[in-house]
Amino acid sequence: MAESGDSLVLEQLRLIRADLGELRSELAAFKDETHSDFVAQKTMLFGLASVIGQIGERVGHLERKIGA
């Protein structure tokens, strides 16, 4: 059981790492395009909030699965 729990955690961590890497590159490109555009910065913040919320949901799912 511990081994399947470990692989569940590792898989979720891989997905989170991939999402964060993608987010990092998208934010860098977006930043280059919008140096001082306030509306664009607000859009970026809403996007970040969404991704952070998704990561929080994944972590919560992992906690429920491993009984934390």
PDB file of N, CA and C in Angstrom:
ATOM      1  N   MET A   1       0.828  -1.192   0.000  1.00  0.00           N
ATOM      2  CA  MET A   1       0.000   0.000   0.000  1.00  0.00           C
ATOM      3  C   MET A   1       0.868   1.250   0.000  1.00  0.00           C
ATOM      4  N   ALA A   2       1.941   1.223   0.786  1.00  0.00           N
ATOM      5  CA  ALA A   2       2.814   2.399   0.856  1.00  0.00           C
ATOM      6  C   ALA A   2       3.441   2.682  -0.503  1.00  0.00           C
ATOM      7  N   GLU A   3       3.780   1.605  -1.226  1.00  0.00           N
ATOM      8  CA  GLU A   3       4.403   1.780  -2.532  1.00  0.00           C
ATOM      9  C   GLU A   3       3.448   2.443  -3.518  1.00  0.00           C
ATOM     10  N   SER A   4       2.172   2.057  -3.522  1.00  0.00           N
ATOM     11  CA  SER A   4       1.205   2.685  -4.427  1.00  0.00           C
ATOM     12  C   SER A   4       0.940   4.128  -3.998  1.00  0.00           C
ATOM     13  N   GLY A   5       0.950   4.386  -2.707  1.00  0.00           N
ATOM     14  CA  GLY A   5       0.807   5.756  -2.215  1.00  0.00           C
ATOM     15  C   GLY A   5       1.978   6.614  -2.638  1.00  0.00           C
ATOM     16  N   ASP A   6       3.179   6.031  -2.570  1.00  0.00           N
ATOM     17  CA  ASP A   6       4.370   6.756  -3.001  1.00  0.00           C
ATOM     18  C   ASP A   6       4.289   7.095  -4.480  1.00  0.00           C
ATOM     19  N   SER A   7       3.849   6.136  -5.297  1.00  0.00           N
ATOM     20  CA  SER A   7       3.801   6.435  -6.727  1.00  0.00           C
ATOM     21  C   SER A   7       2.703   7.433  -7.044  1.00  0.00           C
ATOM     22  N   LEU A   8       1.627   7.445  -6.289  1.00  0.00           N
ATOM     23  CA  LEU A   8       0.583   8.462  -6.472  1.00  0.00           C
ATOM     24  C   LEU A   8       1.152   9.839  -6.162  1.00  0.00           C
ATOM     25  N   VAL A   9       1.866   9.945  -5.059  1.00  0.00           N
ATOM     26  CA  VAL A   9       2.466  11.217  -4.675  1.00  0.00           C
ATOM     27  C   VAL A   9       3.486  11.656  -5.716  1.00  0.00           C
ATOM     28  N   LEU A  10       4.348  10.730  -6.140  1.00  0.00           N
ATOM     29  CA  LEU A  10       5.358  11.079  -7.139  1.00  0.00           C
ATOM     30  C   LEU A  10       4.730  11.524  -8.454  1.00  0.00           C
ATOM     31  N   GLU A  11       3.683  10.858  -8.875  1.00  0.00           N
ATOM     32  CA  GLU A  11       3.008  11.248 -10.119  1.00  0.00           C
ATOM     33  C   GLU A  11       2.419  12.649 -10.000  1.00  0.00           C
ATOM     34  N   GLN A  12       1.778  12.934  -8.894  1.00  0.00           N
ATOM     35  CA  GLN A  12       1.206  14.267  -8.702  1.00  0.00           C
ATOM     36  C   GLN A  12       2.304  15.326  -8.644  1.00  0.00           C
ATOM     37  N   LEU A  13       3.410  15.017  -7.995  1.00  0.00           N
ATOM     38  CA  LEU A  13       4.515  15.961  -7.933  1.00  0.00           C
ATOM     39  C   LEU A  13       5.108  16.215  -9.315  1.00  0.00           C
ATOM     40  N   ARG A  14       5.187  15.177 -10.142  1.00  0.00           N
ATOM     41  CA  ARG A  14       5.659  15.358 -11.528  1.00  0.00           C
ATOM     42  C   ARG A  14       4.722  16.286 -12.299  1.00  0.00           C
ATOM     43  N   LEU A  15       3.420  16.082 -12.126  1.00  0.00           N
ATOM     44  CA  LEU A  15       2.446  16.938 -12.806  1.00  0.00           C
ATOM     45  C   LEU A  15       2.542  18.381 -12.322  1.00  0.00           C
ATOM     46  N   ILE A  16       2.705  18.547 -11.019  1.00  0.00           N
ATOM     47  CA  ILE A  16       2.849  19.899 -10.467  1.00  0.00           C
ATOM     48  C   ILE A  16       4.123  20.554 -11.001  1.00  0.00           C
ATOM     49  N   ARG A  17       5.209  19.813 -11.031  1.00  0.00           N
ATOM     50  CA  ARG A  17       6.467  20.351 -11.548  1.00  0.00           C
ATOM     51  C   ARG A  17       6.319  20.760 -13.008  1.00  0.00           C
ATOM     52  N   ALA A  18       5.656  19.945 -13.802  1.00  0.00           N
ATOM     53  CA  ALA A  18       5.441  20.275 -15.214  1.00  0.00           C
ATOM     54  C   ALA A  18       4.593  21.535 -15.350  1.00  0.00           C
ATOM     55  N   ASP A  19       3.533  21.634 -14.549  1.00  0.00           N
ATOM     56  CA  ASP A  19       2.684  22.832 -14.585  1.00  0.00           C
ATOM     57  C   ASP A  19       3.470  24.080 -14.208  1.00  0.00           C
ATOM     58  N   LEU A  20       4.292  23.968 -13.170  1.00  0.00           N
ATOM     59  CA  LEU A  20       5.064  25.123 -12.736  1.00  0.00           C
ATOM     60  C   LEU A  20       6.103  25.531 -13.779  1.00  0.00           C
ATOM     61  N   GLY A  21       6.716  24.558 -14.438  1.00  0.00           N
ATOM     62  CA  GLY A  21       7.673  24.869 -15.498  1.00  0.00           C
ATOM     63  C   GLY A  21       7.005  25.571 -16.667  1.00  0.00           C
ATOM     64  N   GLU A  22       5.837  25.078 -17.039  1.00  0.00           N
ATOM     65  CA  GLU A  22       5.076  25.706 -18.125  1.00  0.00           C
ATOM     66  C   GLU A  22       4.655  27.115 -17.728  1.00  0.00           C
ATOM     67  N   LEU A  23       4.190  27.257 -16.514  1.00  0.00           N
ATOM     68  CA  LEU A  23       3.774  28.564 -16.019  1.00  0.00           C
ATOM     69  C   LEU A  23       4.947  29.538 -16.020  1.00  0.00           C
ATOM     70  N   ARG A  24       6.097  29.077 -15.593  1.00  0.00           N
ATOM     71  CA  ARG A  24       7.282  29.928 -15.548  1.00  0.00           C
ATOM     72  C   ARG A  24       7.631  30.450 -16.942  1.00  0.00           C
ATOM     73  N   SER A  25       7.619  29.579 -17.932  1.00  0.00           N
ATOM     74  CA  SER A  25       7.965  30.020 -19.283  1.00  0.00           C
ATOM     75  C   SER A  25       6.890  30.928 -19.877  1.00  0.00           C
ATOM     76  N   GLU A  26       5.623  30.630 -19.602  1.00  0.00           N
ATOM     77  CA  GLU A  26       4.550  31.494 -20.090  1.00  0.00           C
ATOM     78  C   GLU A  26       4.604  32.872 -19.446  1.00  0.00           C
ATOM     79  N   LEU A  27       4.907  32.933 -18.158  1.00  0.00           N
ATOM     80  CA  LEU A  27       5.003  34.217 -17.476  1.00  0.00           C
ATOM     81  C   LEU A  27       6.182  35.034 -17.995  1.00  0.00           C
ATOM     82  N   ALA A  28       7.282  34.386 -18.291  1.00  0.00           N
ATOM     83  CA  ALA A  28       8.442  35.095 -18.824  1.00  0.00           C
ATOM     84  C   ALA A  28       8.102  35.709 -20.179  1.00  0.00           C
ATOM     85  N   ALA A  29       7.422  34.934 -21.031  1.00  0.00           N
ATOM     86  CA  ALA A  29       7.028  35.453 -22.340  1.00  0.00           C
ATOM     87  C   ALA A  29       6.023  36.582 -22.196  1.00  0.00           C
ATOM     88  N   PHE A  30       5.087  36.407 -21.292  1.00  0.00           N
ATOM     89  CA  PHE A  30       4.061  37.432 -21.074  1.00  0.00           C
ATOM     90  C   PHE A  30       4.690  38.712 -20.530  1.00  0.00           C
ATOM     91  N   LYS A  31       5.636  38.565 -19.631  1.00  0.00           N
ATOM     92  CA  LYS A  31       6.317  39.722 -19.050  1.00  0.00           C
ATOM     93  C   LYS A  31       7.053  40.497 -20.140  1.00  0.00           C
ATOM     94  N   ASP A  32       7.691  39.789 -21.052  1.00  0.00           N
ATOM     95  CA  ASP A  32       8.400  40.449 -22.147  1.00  0.00           C
ATOM     96  C   ASP A  32       7.449  41.248 -23.028  1.00  0.00           C
ATOM     97  N   GLU A  33       6.238  40.756 -23.188  1.00  0.00           N
ATOM     98  CA  GLU A  33       5.250  41.421 -24.044  1.00  0.00           C
ATOM     99  C   GLU A  33       4.598  42.620 -23.358  1.00  0.00           C
ATOM    100  N   THR A  34       4.526  42.618 -22.050  1.00  0.00           N
ATOM    101  CA  THR A  34       3.735  43.623 -21.333  1.00  0.00           C
ATOM    102  C   THR A  34       4.530  44.280 -20.217  1.00  0.00           C
ATOM    103  N   HIS A  35       5.498  45.055 -20.568  1.00  0.00           N
ATOM    104  CA  HIS A  35       6.370  45.656 -19.561  1.00  0.00           C
ATOM    105  C   HIS A  35       5.594  46.491 -18.543  1.00  0.00           C
ATOM    106  N   SER A  36       4.696  47.347 -18.996  1.00  0.00           N
ATOM    107  CA  SER A  36       4.033  48.228 -18.033  1.00  0.00           C
ATOM    108  C   SER A  36       2.527  48.318 -18.242  1.00  0.00           C
ATOM    109  N   ASP A  37       1.957  47.378 -18.923  1.00  0.00           N
ATOM    110  CA  ASP A  37       0.522  47.392 -19.195  1.00  0.00           C
ATOM    111  C   ASP A  37      -0.231  46.869 -17.968  1.00  0.00           C
ATOM    112  N   PHE A  38      -0.937  47.766 -17.287  1.00  0.00           N
ATOM    113  CA  PHE A  38      -1.612  47.426 -16.038  1.00  0.00           C
ATOM    114  C   PHE A  38      -2.662  46.327 -16.231  1.00  0.00           C
ATOM    115  N   VAL A  39      -3.462  46.425 -17.289  1.00  0.00           N
ATOM    116  CA  VAL A  39      -4.503  45.409 -17.536  1.00  0.00           C
ATOM    117  C   VAL A  39      -3.858  44.043 -17.757  1.00  0.00           C
ATOM    118  N   ALA A  40      -2.778  44.017 -18.480  1.00  0.00           N
ATOM    119  CA  ALA A  40      -2.085  42.753 -18.724  1.00  0.00           C
ATOM    120  C   ALA A  40      -1.550  42.180 -17.415  1.00  0.00           C
ATOM    121  N   GLN A  41      -1.052  43.046 -16.548  1.00  0.00           N
ATOM    122  CA  GLN A  41      -0.547  42.572 -15.265  1.00  0.00           C
ATOM    123  C   GLN A  41      -1.673  41.990 -14.412  1.00  0.00           C
ATOM    124  N   LYS A  42      -2.843  42.620 -14.447  1.00  0.00           N
ATOM    125  CA  LYS A  42      -3.983  42.073 -13.707  1.00  0.00           C
ATOM    126  C   LYS A  42      -4.373  40.711 -14.269  1.00  0.00           C
ATOM    127  N   THR A  43      -4.352  40.582 -15.589  1.00  0.00           N
ATOM    128  CA  THR A  43      -4.676  39.307 -16.226  1.00  0.00           C
ATOM    129  C   THR A  43      -3.693  38.233 -15.772  1.00  0.00           C
ATOM    130  N   MET A  44      -2.425  38.591 -15.717  1.00  0.00           N
ATOM    131  CA  MET A  44      -1.400  37.648 -15.285  1.00  0.00           C
ATOM    132  C   MET A  44      -1.651  37.220 -13.841  1.00  0.00           C
ATOM    133  N   LEU A  45      -2.029  38.146 -12.995  1.00  0.00           N
ATOM    134  CA  LEU A  45      -2.298  37.808 -11.596  1.00  0.00           C
ATOM    135  C   LEU A  45      -3.486  36.864 -11.462  1.00  0.00           C
ATOM    136  N   PHE A  46      -4.533  37.093 -12.244  1.00  0.00           N
ATOM    137  CA  PHE A  46      -5.687  36.186 -12.209  1.00  0.00           C
ATOM    138  C   PHE A  46      -5.293  34.792 -12.687  1.00  0.00           C
ATOM    139  N   GLY A  47      -4.439  34.737 -13.709  1.00  0.00           N
ATOM    140  CA  GLY A  47      -3.944  33.443 -14.185  1.00  0.00           C
ATOM    141  C   GLY A  47      -3.149  32.720 -13.118  1.00  0.00           C
ATOM    142  N   LEU A  48      -2.290  33.464 -12.430  1.00  0.00           N
ATOM    143  CA  LEU A  48      -1.506  32.875 -11.342  1.00  0.00           C
ATOM    144  C   LEU A  48      -2.405  32.352 -10.229  1.00  0.00           C
ATOM    145  N   ALA A  49      -3.406  33.130  -9.869  1.00  0.00           N
ATOM    146  CA  ALA A  49      -4.332  32.710  -8.812  1.00  0.00           C
ATOM    147  C   ALA A  49      -5.022  31.405  -9.196  1.00  0.00           C
ATOM    148  N   SER A  50      -5.381  31.273 -10.459  1.00  0.00           N
ATOM    149  CA  SER A  50      -6.036  30.061 -10.930  1.00  0.00           C
ATOM    150  C   SER A  50      -5.112  28.849 -10.806  1.00  0.00           C
ATOM    151  N   VAL A  51      -3.872  29.012 -11.244  1.00  0.00           N
ATOM    152  CA  VAL A  51      -2.910  27.906 -11.174  1.00  0.00           C
ATOM    153  C   VAL A  51      -2.617  27.542  -9.727  1.00  0.00           C
ATOM    154  N   ILE A  52      -2.466  28.529  -8.877  1.00  0.00           N
ATOM    155  CA  ILE A  52      -2.214  28.269  -7.459  1.00  0.00           C
ATOM    156  C   ILE A  52      -3.391  27.510  -6.847  1.00  0.00           C
ATOM    157  N   GLY A  53      -4.603  27.882  -7.232  1.00  0.00           N
ATOM    158  CA  GLY A  53      -5.783  27.167  -6.754  1.00  0.00           C
ATOM    159  C   GLY A  53      -5.787  25.711  -7.189  1.00  0.00           C
ATOM    160  N   GLN A  54      -5.380  25.467  -8.446  1.00  0.00           N
ATOM    161  CA  GLN A  54      -5.314  24.096  -8.949  1.00  0.00           C
ATOM    162  C   GLN A  54      -4.266  23.285  -8.193  1.00  0.00           C
ATOM    163  N   ILE A  55      -3.131  23.909  -7.902  1.00  0.00           N
ATOM    164  CA  ILE A  55      -2.093  23.219  -7.140  1.00  0.00           C
ATOM    165  C   ILE A  55      -2.608  22.896  -5.736  1.00  0.00           C
ATOM    166  N   GLY A  56      -3.315  23.844  -5.128  1.00  0.00           N
ATOM    167  CA  GLY A  56      -3.897  23.606  -3.813  1.00  0.00           C
ATOM    168  C   GLY A  56      -4.865  22.435  -3.828  1.00  0.00           C
ATOM    169  N   GLU A  57      -5.663  22.329  -4.885  1.00  0.00           N
ATOM    170  CA  GLU A  57      -6.594  21.203  -5.003  1.00  0.00           C
ATOM    171  C   GLU A  57      -5.842  19.886  -5.113  1.00  0.00           C
ATOM    172  N   ARG A  58      -4.761  19.870  -5.887  1.00  0.00           N
ATOM    173  CA  ARG A  58      -3.966  18.643  -6.022  1.00  0.00           C
ATOM    174  C   ARG A  58      -3.355  18.241  -4.693  1.00  0.00           C
ATOM    175  N   VAL A  59      -2.811  19.206  -3.978  1.00  0.00           N
ATOM    176  CA  VAL A  59      -2.207  18.911  -2.677  1.00  0.00           C
ATOM    177  C   VAL A  59      -3.269  18.370  -1.723  1.00  0.00           C
ATOM    178  N   GLY A  60      -4.451  18.981  -1.729  1.00  0.00           N
ATOM    179  CA  GLY A  60      -5.538  18.486  -0.895  1.00  0.00           C
ATOM    180  C   GLY A  60      -5.917  17.060  -1.257  1.00  0.00           C
ATOM    181  N   HIS A  61      -5.942  16.775  -2.548  1.00  0.00           N
ATOM    182  CA  HIS A  61      -6.255  15.416  -3.011  1.00  0.00           C
ATOM    183  C   HIS A  61      -5.200  14.434  -2.494  1.00  0.00           C
ATOM    184  N   LEU A  62      -3.929  14.820  -2.602  1.00  0.00           N
ATOM    185  CA  LEU A  62      -2.866  13.954  -2.106  1.00  0.00           C
ATOM    186  C   LEU A  62      -2.990  13.730  -0.599  1.00  0.00           C
ATOM    187  N   GLU A  63      -3.292  14.786   0.129  1.00  0.00           N
ATOM    188  CA  GLU A  63      -3.456  14.652   1.575  1.00  0.00           C
ATOM    189  C   GLU A  63      -4.570  13.681   1.916  1.00  0.00           C
ATOM    190  N   ARG A  64      -5.684  13.772   1.197  1.00  0.00           N
ATOM    191  CA  ARG A  64      -6.781  12.825   1.460  1.00  0.00           C
ATOM    192  C   ARG A  64      -6.370  11.397   1.122  1.00  0.00           C
ATOM    193  N   LYS A  65      -5.626  11.227   0.028  1.00  0.00           N
ATOM    194  CA  LYS A  65      -5.223   9.888  -0.395  1.00  0.00           C
ATOM    195  C   LYS A  65      -4.264   9.242   0.595  1.00  0.00           C
ATOM    196  N   ILE A  66      -3.344  10.039   1.141  1.00  0.00           N
ATOM    197  CA  ILE A  66      -2.350   9.444   2.053  1.00  0.00           C
ATOM    198  C   ILE A  66      -2.784   9.531   3.515  1.00  0.00           C
ATOM    199  N   GLY A  67      -3.950  10.128   3.747  1.00  0.00           N
ATOM    200  CA  GLY A  67      -4.500  10.148   5.089  1.00  0.00           C
ATOM    201  C   GLY A  67      -3.888  11.189   6.001  1.00  0.00           C
ATOM    202  N   ALA A  68      -3.358  12.252   5.411  1.00  0.00           N
ATOM    203  CA  ALA A  68      -2.740  13.313   6.234  1.00  0.00           C
ATOM    204  C   ALA A  68      -3.786  14.266   6.761  1.00  0.00           C
TER     205      ALA A  68
END
